[in-house]
Amino acid sequence: MGFRNVLVTAAVILVVLTSLSVAQKGNPTKGKEVFSRCAVCHGNSGEGREAIAKVYGVEMRRLGSKAVQSQDDASLKKGIVEGKGKMPPVKLTDQELADVVAFLRTLKE
């Protein structure tokens, strides 16, 4: 393989890796739109709906609380896609998931 082929291959790999990292960055504005489906239980600002908590007999943490915000992105994503406690799993694309986590980070108290 000639030097030119090595450079072309390296450039292609760099472009692919760059596009993958960009795709995983979340957009909080889009995340808020996706999160609006979750607001029935979690409230528009992640405050949690008291009536829902009572019906299910759970304590809903504010999504901006230290307990929630101290979790890393991977843990937040896992809780969303696998469900947690009485919260059912939510099917989202990887990009929607990244967007929702980006939105959740804006709720930090």
N, C-alpha and C. Protein backbone atom coordinates (compact mmCIF):
# COMPACT_ATOMS: atom_id res chain seq x y z
N MET A 1 0.85 -1.17 0.00
CA MET A 1 0.00 0.00 0.00
C MET A 1 0.90 1.23 0.00
N GLY A 2 0.67 2.10 -0.95
CA GLY A 2 1.49 3.30 -1.07
C GLY A 2 1.12 4.35 -0.04
N PHE A 3 1.99 5.32 0.08
CA PHE A 3 1.79 6.41 1.05
C PHE A 3 0.47 7.14 0.79
N ARG A 4 0.15 7.34 -0.48
CA ARG A 4 -1.10 8.04 -0.82
C ARG A 4 -2.32 7.24 -0.35
N ASN A 5 -2.30 5.93 -0.53
CA ASN A 5 -3.41 5.08 -0.08
C ASN A 5 -3.56 5.11 1.44
N VAL A 6 -2.43 5.16 2.13
CA VAL A 6 -2.46 5.24 3.60
C VAL A 6 -3.12 6.55 4.03
N LEU A 7 -2.76 7.64 3.36
CA LEU A 7 -3.35 8.94 3.69
C LEU A 7 -4.85 8.95 3.41
N VAL A 8 -5.26 8.41 2.29
CA VAL A 8 -6.68 8.37 1.95
C VAL A 8 -7.43 7.52 2.97
N THR A 9 -6.90 6.38 3.33
CA THR A 9 -7.53 5.51 4.32
C THR A 9 -7.65 6.22 5.66
N ALA A 10 -6.59 6.89 6.08
CA ALA A 10 -6.61 7.63 7.35
C ALA A 10 -7.65 8.74 7.31
N ALA A 11 -7.76 9.42 6.17
CA ALA A 11 -8.74 10.50 6.04
C ALA A 11 -10.16 9.95 6.14
N VAL A 12 -10.41 8.83 5.50
CA VAL A 12 -11.74 8.20 5.55
C VAL A 12 -12.08 7.79 6.98
N ILE A 13 -11.14 7.18 7.66
CA ILE A 13 -11.37 6.77 9.05
C ILE A 13 -11.66 7.98 9.92
N LEU A 14 -10.92 9.06 9.74
CA LEU A 14 -11.14 10.28 10.50
C LEU A 14 -12.53 10.85 10.26
N VAL A 15 -12.97 10.86 9.02
CA VAL A 15 -14.31 11.37 8.69
C VAL A 15 -15.39 10.50 9.36
N VAL A 16 -15.23 9.20 9.31
CA VAL A 16 -16.21 8.29 9.91
C VAL A 16 -16.25 8.49 11.42
N LEU A 17 -15.11 8.54 12.07
CA LEU A 17 -15.08 8.72 13.52
C LEU A 17 -15.66 10.07 13.93
N THR A 18 -15.37 11.11 13.16
CA THR A 18 -15.92 12.43 13.45
C THR A 18 -17.43 12.42 13.33
N SER A 19 -17.96 11.79 12.30
CA SER A 19 -19.41 11.77 12.12
C SER A 19 -20.08 10.96 13.22
N LEU A 20 -19.43 9.90 13.70
CA LEU A 20 -20.01 9.12 14.79
C LEU A 20 -20.07 9.93 16.07
N SER A 21 -19.02 10.68 16.38
CA SER A 21 -19.03 11.46 17.61
C SER A 21 -20.03 12.60 17.54
N VAL A 22 -20.20 13.19 16.37
CA VAL A 22 -21.19 14.27 16.21
C VAL A 22 -22.59 13.71 16.38
N ALA A 23 -22.86 12.55 15.85
CA ALA A 23 -24.19 11.96 15.93
C ALA A 23 -24.59 11.65 17.36
N GLN A 24 -23.61 11.39 18.22
CA GLN A 24 -23.92 11.04 19.60
C GLN A 24 -24.08 12.25 20.50
N LYS A 25 -23.72 13.44 20.03
CA LYS A 25 -23.92 14.63 20.84
C LYS A 25 -25.39 14.97 20.85
N GLY A 26 -25.89 15.23 22.03
CA GLY A 26 -27.31 15.51 22.15
C GLY A 26 -27.65 16.97 21.94
N ASN A 27 -28.83 17.19 21.43
CA ASN A 27 -29.38 18.52 21.23
C ASN A 27 -30.49 18.71 22.27
N PRO A 28 -30.28 19.58 23.27
CA PRO A 28 -31.29 19.73 24.33
C PRO A 28 -32.65 20.23 23.83
N THR A 29 -32.65 21.02 22.77
CA THR A 29 -33.93 21.51 22.23
C THR A 29 -34.74 20.36 21.65
N LYS A 30 -34.07 19.50 20.88
CA LYS A 30 -34.75 18.32 20.34
C LYS A 30 -35.10 17.35 21.47
N GLY A 31 -34.22 17.27 22.46
CA GLY A 31 -34.47 16.40 23.61
C GLY A 31 -35.71 16.81 24.37
N LYS A 32 -35.94 18.11 24.48
CA LYS A 32 -37.14 18.60 25.17
C LYS A 32 -38.39 18.17 24.41
N GLU A 33 -38.33 18.18 23.08
CA GLU A 33 -39.46 17.72 22.27
C GLU A 33 -39.74 16.24 22.52
N VAL A 34 -38.69 15.43 22.54
CA VAL A 34 -38.86 14.00 22.79
C VAL A 34 -39.36 13.79 24.21
N PHE A 35 -38.80 14.53 25.16
CA PHE A 35 -39.16 14.40 26.57
C PHE A 35 -40.63 14.77 26.81
N SER A 36 -41.22 15.55 25.94
CA SER A 36 -42.62 15.95 26.14
C SER A 36 -43.53 14.73 26.27
N ARG A 37 -43.14 13.60 25.68
CA ARG A 37 -43.91 12.35 25.82
C ARG A 37 -43.80 11.80 27.24
N CYS A 38 -42.75 12.16 27.94
CA CYS A 38 -42.49 11.67 29.30
C CYS A 38 -43.14 12.58 30.35
N ALA A 39 -43.56 13.76 29.92
CA ALA A 39 -44.07 14.76 30.85
C ALA A 39 -45.34 14.34 31.55
N VAL A 40 -46.06 13.38 31.00
CA VAL A 40 -47.28 12.89 31.64
C VAL A 40 -46.96 12.43 33.07
N CYS A 41 -45.84 11.77 33.23
CA CYS A 41 -45.42 11.29 34.56
C CYS A 41 -44.38 12.20 35.20
N HIS A 42 -43.42 12.66 34.41
CA HIS A 42 -42.28 13.39 34.96
C HIS A 42 -42.47 14.90 35.03
N GLY A 43 -43.55 15.42 34.45
CA GLY A 43 -43.76 16.86 34.44
C GLY A 43 -42.93 17.53 33.36
N ASN A 44 -43.35 18.71 32.95
CA ASN A 44 -42.68 19.41 31.86
C ASN A 44 -41.23 19.77 32.16
N SER A 45 -40.94 19.99 33.44
CA SER A 45 -39.59 20.38 33.84
C SER A 45 -38.92 19.31 34.69
N GLY A 46 -39.42 18.09 34.62
CA GLY A 46 -38.81 17.00 35.36
C GLY A 46 -39.09 17.02 36.85
N GLU A 47 -40.11 17.77 37.23
CA GLU A 47 -40.43 17.89 38.66
C GLU A 47 -41.17 16.67 39.21
N GLY A 48 -41.71 15.84 38.34
CA GLY A 48 -42.48 14.66 38.77
C GLY A 48 -43.91 15.05 39.10
N ARG A 49 -44.82 14.24 38.72
CA ARG A 49 -46.24 14.51 38.99
C ARG A 49 -46.65 13.73 40.23
N GLU A 50 -47.07 14.48 41.24
CA GLU A 50 -47.41 13.89 42.53
C GLU A 50 -48.53 12.86 42.41
N ALA A 51 -49.53 13.15 41.59
CA ALA A 51 -50.65 12.22 41.43
C ALA A 51 -50.18 10.88 40.86
N ILE A 52 -49.28 10.92 39.90
CA ILE A 52 -48.75 9.68 39.31
C ILE A 52 -47.94 8.91 40.34
N ALA A 53 -47.14 9.63 41.12
CA ALA A 53 -46.34 8.99 42.17
C ALA A 53 -47.24 8.27 43.17
N LYS A 54 -48.35 8.90 43.52
CA LYS A 54 -49.29 8.27 44.47
C LYS A 54 -49.94 7.03 43.88
N VAL A 55 -50.36 7.13 42.63
CA VAL A 55 -51.01 5.99 41.97
C VAL A 55 -50.09 4.78 41.96
N TYR A 56 -48.81 5.00 41.66
CA TYR A 56 -47.86 3.90 41.56
C TYR A 56 -47.15 3.59 42.88
N GLY A 57 -47.41 4.42 43.89
CA GLY A 57 -46.78 4.20 45.18
C GLY A 57 -45.27 4.34 45.14
N VAL A 58 -44.81 5.35 44.44
CA VAL A 58 -43.37 5.57 44.30
C VAL A 58 -43.02 7.00 44.69
N GLU A 59 -41.75 7.19 44.96
CA GLU A 59 -41.22 8.54 45.15
C GLU A 59 -40.54 8.93 43.86
N MET A 60 -41.00 9.99 43.24
CA MET A 60 -40.40 10.43 41.99
C MET A 60 -39.37 11.50 42.30
N ARG A 61 -38.14 11.21 41.97
CA ARG A 61 -37.07 12.20 42.15
C ARG A 61 -37.20 13.27 41.09
N ARG A 62 -36.92 14.50 41.49
CA ARG A 62 -36.85 15.58 40.51
C ARG A 62 -35.66 15.28 39.60
N LEU A 63 -35.86 15.38 38.32
CA LEU A 63 -34.80 15.03 37.37
C LEU A 63 -33.64 16.01 37.39
N GLY A 64 -33.84 17.15 38.01
CA GLY A 64 -32.76 18.12 38.18
C GLY A 64 -32.00 17.95 39.48
N SER A 65 -32.45 17.01 40.31
CA SER A 65 -31.85 16.82 41.64
C SER A 65 -30.43 16.28 41.53
N LYS A 66 -29.69 16.45 42.61
CA LYS A 66 -28.30 15.96 42.65
C LYS A 66 -28.26 14.44 42.46
N ALA A 67 -29.24 13.73 43.02
CA ALA A 67 -29.27 12.27 42.91
C ALA A 67 -29.36 11.82 41.46
N VAL A 68 -30.12 12.52 40.67
CA VAL A 68 -30.27 12.16 39.25
C VAL A 68 -29.11 12.71 38.44
N GLN A 69 -28.78 13.97 38.65
CA GLN A 69 -27.74 14.62 37.86
C GLN A 69 -26.34 14.05 38.10
N SER A 70 -26.14 13.40 39.24
CA SER A 70 -24.82 12.82 39.52
C SER A 70 -24.57 11.53 38.72
N GLN A 71 -25.62 10.98 38.12
CA GLN A 71 -25.46 9.79 37.30
C GLN A 71 -24.77 10.17 35.99
N ASP A 72 -23.93 9.27 35.49
CA ASP A 72 -23.31 9.54 34.20
C ASP A 72 -24.32 9.30 33.09
N ASP A 73 -24.00 9.76 31.90
CA ASP A 73 -24.92 9.66 30.77
C ASP A 73 -25.32 8.22 30.48
N ALA A 74 -24.36 7.30 30.58
CA ALA A 74 -24.65 5.90 30.29
C ALA A 74 -25.70 5.35 31.26
N SER A 75 -25.64 5.73 32.52
CA SER A 75 -26.62 5.26 33.50
C SER A 75 -28.00 5.85 33.22
N LEU A 76 -28.04 7.12 32.86
CA LEU A 76 -29.32 7.74 32.52
C LEU A 76 -29.94 7.05 31.31
N LYS A 77 -29.12 6.82 30.30
CA LYS A 77 -29.61 6.16 29.08
C LYS A 77 -30.12 4.76 29.40
N LYS A 78 -29.39 4.03 30.22
CA LYS A 78 -29.79 2.67 30.58
C LYS A 78 -31.14 2.68 31.30
N GLY A 79 -31.32 3.60 32.23
CA GLY A 79 -32.59 3.71 32.94
C GLY A 79 -33.76 4.01 32.02
N ILE A 80 -33.50 4.79 30.99
CA ILE A 80 -34.56 5.14 30.04
C ILE A 80 -34.92 3.94 29.17
N VAL A 81 -33.92 3.31 28.56
CA VAL A 81 -34.21 2.25 27.60
C VAL A 81 -34.58 0.92 28.25
N GLU A 82 -34.12 0.70 29.50
CA GLU A 82 -34.46 -0.55 30.18
C GLU A 82 -35.60 -0.38 31.18
N GLY A 83 -35.92 0.87 31.50
CA GLY A 83 -36.91 1.13 32.54
C GLY A 83 -36.24 1.07 33.90
N LYS A 84 -36.92 1.61 34.88
CA LYS A 84 -36.34 1.63 36.22
C LYS A 84 -37.49 1.64 37.21
N GLY A 85 -37.46 0.70 38.15
CA GLY A 85 -38.57 0.60 39.09
C GLY A 85 -39.85 0.32 38.33
N LYS A 86 -40.83 1.16 38.52
CA LYS A 86 -42.11 0.97 37.84
C LYS A 86 -42.19 1.72 36.50
N MET A 87 -41.11 2.40 36.15
CA MET A 87 -41.08 3.08 34.86
C MET A 87 -40.78 2.06 33.77
N PRO A 88 -41.65 1.96 32.77
CA PRO A 88 -41.40 0.99 31.69
C PRO A 88 -40.27 1.46 30.78
N PRO A 89 -39.68 0.54 30.03
CA PRO A 89 -38.65 0.93 29.08
C PRO A 89 -39.22 1.83 27.99
N VAL A 90 -38.39 2.71 27.49
CA VAL A 90 -38.81 3.64 26.44
C VAL A 90 -37.95 3.36 25.22
N LYS A 91 -38.61 3.16 24.07
CA LYS A 91 -37.88 2.91 22.83
C LYS A 91 -37.55 4.24 22.17
N LEU A 92 -36.25 4.51 22.03
CA LEU A 92 -35.76 5.71 21.38
C LEU A 92 -34.59 5.34 20.48
N THR A 93 -34.38 6.14 19.46
CA THR A 93 -33.17 5.96 18.65
C THR A 93 -31.98 6.43 19.49
N ASP A 94 -30.79 6.09 19.06
CA ASP A 94 -29.59 6.54 19.76
C ASP A 94 -29.53 8.06 19.81
N GLN A 95 -29.91 8.71 18.71
CA GLN A 95 -29.87 10.17 18.68
C GLN A 95 -30.92 10.77 19.61
N GLU A 96 -32.13 10.22 19.61
CA GLU A 96 -33.17 10.72 20.52
C GLU A 96 -32.73 10.56 21.97
N LEU A 97 -32.10 9.45 22.27
CA LEU A 97 -31.61 9.18 23.61
C LEU A 97 -30.56 10.22 24.01
N ALA A 98 -29.63 10.49 23.12
CA ALA A 98 -28.61 11.51 23.38
C ALA A 98 -29.25 12.88 23.57
N ASP A 99 -30.27 13.18 22.78
CA ASP A 99 -30.98 14.46 22.89
C ASP A 99 -31.71 14.58 24.22
N VAL A 100 -32.36 13.52 24.65
CA VAL A 100 -33.09 13.55 25.93
C VAL A 100 -32.11 13.75 27.09
N VAL A 101 -31.00 13.06 27.07
CA VAL A 101 -30.00 13.22 28.14
C VAL A 101 -29.46 14.65 28.13
N ALA A 102 -29.22 15.21 26.96
CA ALA A 102 -28.78 16.61 26.87
C ALA A 102 -29.83 17.54 27.49
N PHE A 103 -31.11 17.26 27.24
CA PHE A 103 -32.16 18.07 27.85
C PHE A 103 -32.18 17.88 29.37
N LEU A 104 -32.05 16.64 29.82
CA LEU A 104 -32.06 16.39 31.27
C LEU A 104 -30.94 17.17 31.97
N ARG A 105 -29.82 17.30 31.32
CA ARG A 105 -28.70 18.04 31.91
C ARG A 105 -29.04 19.52 32.08
N THR A 106 -29.97 20.05 31.29
CA THR A 106 -30.35 21.47 31.45
C THR A 106 -31.23 21.68 32.67
N LEU A 107 -31.72 20.60 33.28
CA LEU A 107 -32.61 20.70 34.43
C LEU A 107 -31.86 20.78 35.76
N LYS A 108 -30.54 20.66 35.70
CA LYS A 108 -29.73 20.64 36.93
C LYS A 108 -30.06 21.81 37.83
N GLU A 109 -30.30 21.49 39.08
CA GLU A 109 -30.70 22.53 40.06
C GLU A 109 -29.49 23.19 40.69
